[in-house]
Amino acid sequence: MSSGFSPDLLKDKVAIVTGGGTGIGLAVARAFAAHGAHVVLAARQLDRLEAAAAELRKGGARALAVACDISEPESVAALFEKVDAELGCVDVLVNNAAANFIRPSEALTSVRWRKIIDIVLNGTFQCTLEAGRRMLKRGEGAVVNMVAAYAWQGAPGLAASASAKAGVVALTRTLGVEWAKRGVRVNAVCPGLVDTPQSRERLWPEDWMREELLSNVPMGRFGSESEVADAALFLCSPLARYVTGEVLVVDGGESLGKGALKIIEKAGAVRRARPKAS
């Protein structure tokens, strides 16, 4: 489906997308490539990245796959050095890589807590800092962070991820102000319920779950990866040149209502994982 944007909207811009091998990250990479960008796909699993990059190259785009663990500052530094050497300085960064799991808070170990914080919050900060240093020198650039509504709503069983995403929202708003006069815009996209094979398998595998979720979405349907990608494309483009420090919610109005994440508790995922009383 066409986005309706000019095909040269990001012509010759160098764009890095973390978590770019699958899902929303890959959809963002496809959208950027379709609108003229040179795209860098970064994630831990190089095989998926290579397949995704090959797909983009077949469409005529210049694409680079780089294995990177964003929770490790040295790995992030190596990513940006490789991009500098092979494509030039980064113009656009999309922090899409994430991690979460459903676990009652009393059963959450410090190891798992730190892992999610390191990937979601610290990883976003490290990538943004590396990109920002380069962008600030040139006086231009755009960063988009992927967040989630539970960053401000909270959600049962997602204490670590919600806390990390809340930190990313605060980082977005802080840098959006701090870097505004220096030509670098920092924004975020908050996807709602996006129906993918992975989400259907892991989050709403049964019909009653889908019906319950959609009952809380005013538009009455799930979102698509391409709709989220279009939001990121807009925020990274000159069309959003007067937008910074904002969170663009793409959820069909779901976050304005009761919040569909109650499905996690109703489905029993948290209760089943809760330690039994001795």
Protein backbone atom coordinates (compact mmCIF):
# COMPACT_ATOMS: atom_id res chain seq x y z
CA MET A 1 0.00 0.00 0.00
CA SER A 2 1.35 3.44 -0.94
CA SER A 3 2.11 5.78 1.94
CA GLY A 4 1.14 8.85 -0.08
CA PHE A 5 4.51 10.47 0.62
CA SER A 6 6.86 11.65 -2.11
CA PRO A 7 9.17 8.78 -3.18
CA ASP A 8 12.23 10.99 -2.63
CA LEU A 9 11.18 12.12 0.86
CA LEU A 10 14.38 10.68 2.42
CA LYS A 11 16.50 10.67 -0.72
CA ASP A 12 20.13 9.72 0.05
CA LYS A 13 19.61 9.99 3.81
CA VAL A 14 21.44 7.39 5.92
CA ALA A 15 18.97 5.76 8.29
CA ILE A 16 19.74 3.26 11.05
CA VAL A 17 16.90 1.06 12.32
CA THR A 18 17.61 -1.08 15.37
CA GLY A 19 15.62 -4.27 15.65
CA GLY A 20 15.29 -3.93 11.88
CA GLY A 21 15.22 -7.58 10.87
CA THR A 22 11.58 -8.35 11.64
CA GLY A 23 8.22 -6.85 12.56
CA ILE A 24 7.78 -3.11 12.90
CA GLY A 25 11.51 -2.49 12.49
CA LEU A 26 11.54 -4.19 9.10
CA ALA A 27 8.38 -2.32 8.07
CA VAL A 28 10.11 0.96 8.96
CA ALA A 29 13.19 -0.07 6.99
CA ARG A 30 11.04 -0.92 3.96
CA ALA A 31 9.26 2.43 4.16
CA PHE A 32 12.53 4.34 4.42
CA ALA A 33 14.09 2.44 1.52
CA ALA A 34 10.98 3.02 -0.61
CA HIS A 35 11.40 6.76 -0.02
CA GLY A 36 15.05 7.03 -1.02
CA ALA A 37 17.02 6.32 2.15
CA HIS A 38 20.15 4.20 2.49
CA VAL A 39 19.12 1.83 5.27
CA VAL A 40 21.18 0.17 8.01
CA LEU A 41 19.53 -2.77 9.77
CA ALA A 42 20.92 -3.51 13.23
CA ALA A 43 20.08 -6.36 15.60
CA ARG A 44 21.74 -9.29 17.32
CA GLN A 45 20.80 -11.99 14.78
CA LEU A 46 22.75 -11.34 11.61
CA ASP A 47 21.03 -14.03 9.53
CA ARG A 48 17.65 -12.28 9.75
CA LEU A 49 19.25 -8.94 9.02
CA GLU A 50 21.04 -10.26 5.94
CA ALA A 51 17.80 -11.67 4.55
CA ALA A 52 16.02 -8.36 5.17
CA ALA A 53 18.86 -6.34 3.65
CA ALA A 54 18.88 -8.60 0.58
CA GLU A 55 15.16 -7.95 0.14
CA LEU A 56 15.72 -4.18 0.25
CA ARG A 57 18.57 -4.40 -2.25
CA LYS A 58 16.34 -6.29 -4.67
CA GLY A 59 14.04 -3.29 -4.58
CA GLY A 60 16.93 -1.03 -5.58
CA ALA A 61 17.84 0.33 -2.17
CA ARG A 62 21.27 0.51 -0.62
CA ALA A 63 21.09 -1.60 2.54
CA LEU A 64 23.60 -2.70 5.15
CA ALA A 65 23.14 -5.39 7.83
CA VAL A 66 25.18 -5.02 11.04
CA ALA A 67 25.08 -7.34 14.04
CA CYS A 68 24.81 -5.23 17.18
CA ASP A 69 23.85 -5.75 20.80
CA ILE A 70 22.57 -2.32 21.79
CA SER A 71 22.89 -3.17 25.49
CA GLU A 72 26.69 -3.13 25.01
CA PRO A 73 28.19 0.38 24.47
CA GLU A 74 31.18 -1.07 22.61
CA SER A 75 28.89 -2.84 20.17
CA VAL A 76 26.92 0.35 19.57
CA ALA A 77 30.12 2.32 18.95
CA ALA A 78 31.27 -0.31 16.45
CA LEU A 79 27.91 -0.08 14.63
CA PHE A 80 28.23 3.66 14.08
CA GLU A 81 31.89 3.40 13.07
CA LYS A 82 30.94 0.83 10.41
CA VAL A 83 28.16 3.04 9.13
CA ASP A 84 30.52 6.04 9.00
CA ALA A 85 32.99 4.02 6.95
CA GLU A 86 30.55 2.40 4.51
CA LEU A 87 27.65 4.82 4.08
CA GLY A 88 28.63 8.08 5.72
CA CYS A 89 27.27 9.95 8.71
CA VAL A 90 23.84 8.96 10.01
CA ASP A 91 20.93 11.31 9.27
CA VAL A 92 18.09 9.31 10.83
CA LEU A 93 17.93 6.88 13.76
CA VAL A 94 14.96 4.74 14.74
CA ASN A 95 15.36 3.06 18.13
CA ASN A 96 13.07 0.07 17.66
CA ALA A 97 14.97 -2.77 19.38
CA ALA A 98 13.20 -3.91 22.54
CA ALA A 99 12.72 -6.76 24.99
CA ASN A 100 9.94 -7.76 27.36
CA PHE A 101 8.29 -10.72 29.01
CA ILE A 102 5.25 -11.23 31.21
CA ARG A 103 6.26 -11.86 34.79
CA PRO A 104 4.60 -10.92 38.12
CA SER A 105 6.71 -8.30 39.82
CA GLU A 106 7.42 -10.38 42.93
CA ALA A 107 8.96 -13.04 40.68
CA LEU A 108 11.08 -10.59 38.70
CA THR A 109 14.78 -11.25 39.20
CA SER A 110 17.39 -8.51 39.23
CA VAL A 111 19.09 -10.15 36.24
CA ARG A 112 15.95 -9.98 34.09
CA TRP A 113 15.18 -6.46 35.29
CA ARG A 114 18.65 -5.24 34.33
CA LYS A 115 18.52 -7.01 30.96
CA ILE A 116 15.36 -5.22 29.88
CA ILE A 117 16.54 -1.87 31.23
CA ASP A 118 19.87 -2.35 29.44
CA ILE A 119 18.22 -3.08 26.09
CA VAL A 120 15.22 -0.76 26.14
CA LEU A 121 16.44 2.29 28.07
CA ASN A 122 20.22 2.13 28.14
CA GLY A 123 20.40 0.81 24.58
CA THR A 124 18.19 3.60 23.31
CA PHE A 125 20.33 6.14 25.14
CA GLN A 126 23.61 4.72 23.81
CA CYS A 127 22.38 4.65 20.20
CA THR A 128 20.89 8.12 20.49
CA LEU A 129 24.08 9.51 21.99
CA GLU A 130 26.25 8.06 19.20
CA ALA A 131 23.88 9.38 16.54
CA GLY A 132 23.39 12.68 18.33
CA ARG A 133 27.09 13.49 18.50
CA ARG A 134 27.31 13.13 14.75
CA MET A 135 24.08 14.97 14.00
CA LEU A 136 24.85 17.86 16.33
CA LYS A 137 28.16 18.50 14.57
CA ARG A 138 26.26 18.97 11.30
CA GLY A 139 23.31 20.76 12.86
CA GLU A 140 20.66 18.39 11.51
CA GLY A 141 19.16 14.97 12.10
CA ALA A 142 16.12 13.10 13.36
CA VAL A 143 15.66 10.42 16.02
CA VAL A 144 12.49 8.40 16.58
CA ASN A 145 12.03 6.11 19.57
CA MET A 146 9.44 3.33 19.71
CA VAL A 147 7.54 3.34 22.99
CA ALA A 148 4.33 1.78 24.36
CA ALA A 149 1.20 3.08 26.08
CA TYR A 150 2.02 1.11 29.22
CA ALA A 151 4.89 3.56 29.72
CA TRP A 152 2.30 5.89 31.26
CA GLN A 153 -0.53 3.45 31.99
CA GLY A 154 1.44 0.60 33.52
CA ALA A 155 0.46 -3.03 32.88
CA PRO A 156 0.30 -6.20 34.98
CA GLY A 157 3.36 -8.36 34.53
CA LEU A 158 5.33 -5.76 32.58
CA ALA A 159 7.00 -3.74 35.34
CA ALA A 160 10.48 -3.79 33.78
CA SER A 161 9.40 -2.98 30.25
CA ALA A 162 6.93 -0.30 31.39
CA SER A 163 9.61 1.34 33.53
CA ALA A 164 12.14 1.24 30.70
CA LYS A 165 9.68 2.64 28.15
CA ALA A 166 8.70 5.40 30.60
CA GLY A 167 12.37 6.29 30.73
CA VAL A 168 12.50 6.42 26.94
CA VAL A 169 9.52 8.79 26.89
CA ALA A 170 11.31 11.07 29.37
CA LEU A 171 14.52 10.85 27.31
CA THR A 172 12.58 11.74 24.15
CA ARG A 173 11.09 14.84 25.71
CA THR A 174 14.34 15.91 27.36
CA LEU A 175 16.48 15.63 24.23
CA GLY A 176 13.67 17.06 22.13
CA VAL A 177 14.09 20.28 24.07
CA GLU A 178 17.85 20.07 24.64
CA TRP A 179 18.76 19.56 20.98
CA ALA A 180 16.00 21.58 19.32
CA LYS A 181 18.00 24.76 18.71
CA ARG A 182 20.89 22.67 17.39
CA GLY A 183 18.91 21.21 14.50
CA VAL A 184 18.31 17.69 15.85
CA ARG A 185 14.74 16.57 16.42
CA VAL A 186 13.87 13.73 18.84
CA ASN A 187 10.37 12.23 18.83
CA ALA A 188 8.64 8.94 19.58
CA VAL A 189 5.99 6.69 18.08
CA CYS A 190 3.66 4.73 20.34
CA PRO A 191 2.09 1.80 18.45
CA GLY A 192 -1.13 0.31 19.72
CA LEU A 193 -2.37 -3.21 19.00
CA VAL A 194 -0.56 -4.28 15.86
CA ASP A 195 -1.66 -7.63 14.47
CA THR A 196 1.31 -9.70 13.31
CA PRO A 197 1.99 -13.44 13.21
CA GLN A 198 4.18 -13.02 16.30
CA SER A 199 1.57 -11.10 18.30
CA ARG A 200 -1.16 -13.54 17.32
CA GLU A 201 0.96 -16.43 18.54
CA ARG A 202 2.24 -14.85 21.76
CA LEU A 203 -0.34 -12.30 22.87
CA TRP A 204 -3.82 -13.05 21.50
CA PRO A 205 -3.88 -16.62 20.17
CA GLU A 206 -7.58 -17.19 20.86
CA ASP A 207 -10.63 -15.55 19.28
CA TRP A 208 -12.08 -14.37 22.60
CA MET A 209 -8.86 -12.51 23.31
CA ARG A 210 -9.00 -10.71 19.97
CA GLU A 211 -12.64 -9.77 20.54
CA GLU A 212 -11.88 -8.47 24.04
CA LEU A 213 -8.98 -6.40 22.76
CA LEU A 214 -10.88 -4.90 19.85
CA SER A 215 -13.79 -3.98 22.12
CA ASN A 216 -11.45 -1.34 23.60
CA VAL A 217 -10.34 0.11 20.24
CA PRO A 218 -12.68 2.87 19.02
CA MET A 219 -11.71 2.19 15.40
CA GLY A 220 -12.65 -1.46 15.91
CA ARG A 221 -9.61 -3.03 14.29
CA PHE A 222 -5.96 -3.87 14.81
CA GLY A 223 -3.27 -1.62 13.40
CA SER A 224 -0.74 -2.66 10.80
CA GLU A 225 3.04 -2.49 10.78
CA SER A 226 2.91 -0.21 7.74
CA GLU A 227 0.75 2.32 9.61
CA VAL A 228 3.35 2.51 12.37
CA ALA A 229 6.11 2.79 9.75
CA ASP A 230 4.30 5.71 8.11
CA ALA A 231 4.28 7.56 11.43
CA ALA A 232 8.02 7.04 11.83
CA LEU A 233 8.58 8.11 8.22
CA PHE A 234 6.67 11.33 8.82
CA LEU A 235 8.57 12.19 12.01
CA CYS A 236 11.94 11.53 10.38
CA SER A 237 11.15 13.61 7.31
CA PRO A 238 11.21 17.35 6.59
CA LEU A 239 7.39 17.28 6.84
CA ALA A 240 7.84 17.20 10.64
CA ARG A 241 10.54 19.86 10.75
CA TYR A 242 8.67 21.79 13.48
CA VAL A 243 7.95 18.74 15.65
CA THR A 244 10.21 17.70 18.50
CA GLY A 245 9.85 16.07 21.91
CA GLU A 246 6.48 14.59 20.95
CA VAL A 247 4.97 11.10 21.23
CA LEU A 248 2.77 10.23 18.24
CA VAL A 249 0.26 7.59 19.33
CA VAL A 250 -0.87 5.21 16.56
CA ASP A 251 -3.50 3.04 18.24
CA GLY A 252 -6.94 3.72 16.78
CA GLY A 253 -7.91 5.54 19.98
CA GLU A 254 -7.36 2.54 22.26
CA SER A 255 -5.25 4.41 24.84
CA LEU A 256 -8.06 6.94 25.32
CA GLY A 257 -10.32 4.24 26.74
CA LYS A 258 -9.93 1.60 29.41
CA GLY A 259 -6.75 0.09 28.03
CA ALA A 260 -6.71 -3.37 26.48
CA LEU A 261 -3.72 -4.62 28.43
CA LYS A 262 -6.13 -5.97 31.04
CA ILE A 263 -6.25 -8.99 28.73
CA ILE A 264 -2.90 -10.08 30.18
CA GLU A 265 -4.41 -10.47 33.64
CA LYS A 266 -7.69 -11.93 32.42
CA ALA A 267 -5.90 -14.55 30.33
CA GLY A 268 -4.11 -15.71 33.48
CA ALA A 269 -0.56 -15.26 32.20
CA VAL A 270 0.54 -13.40 35.32
CA ARG A 271 -1.36 -15.63 37.72
CA ARG A 272 0.11 -18.79 36.24
CA ALA A 273 3.63 -17.46 36.70
CA ARG A 274 3.03 -16.24 40.25
CA PRO A 275 4.93 -18.20 42.94
CA LYS A 276 2.72 -20.52 44.97
CA ALA A 277 2.27 -19.67 48.63
CA SER A 278 4.20 -22.02 50.88
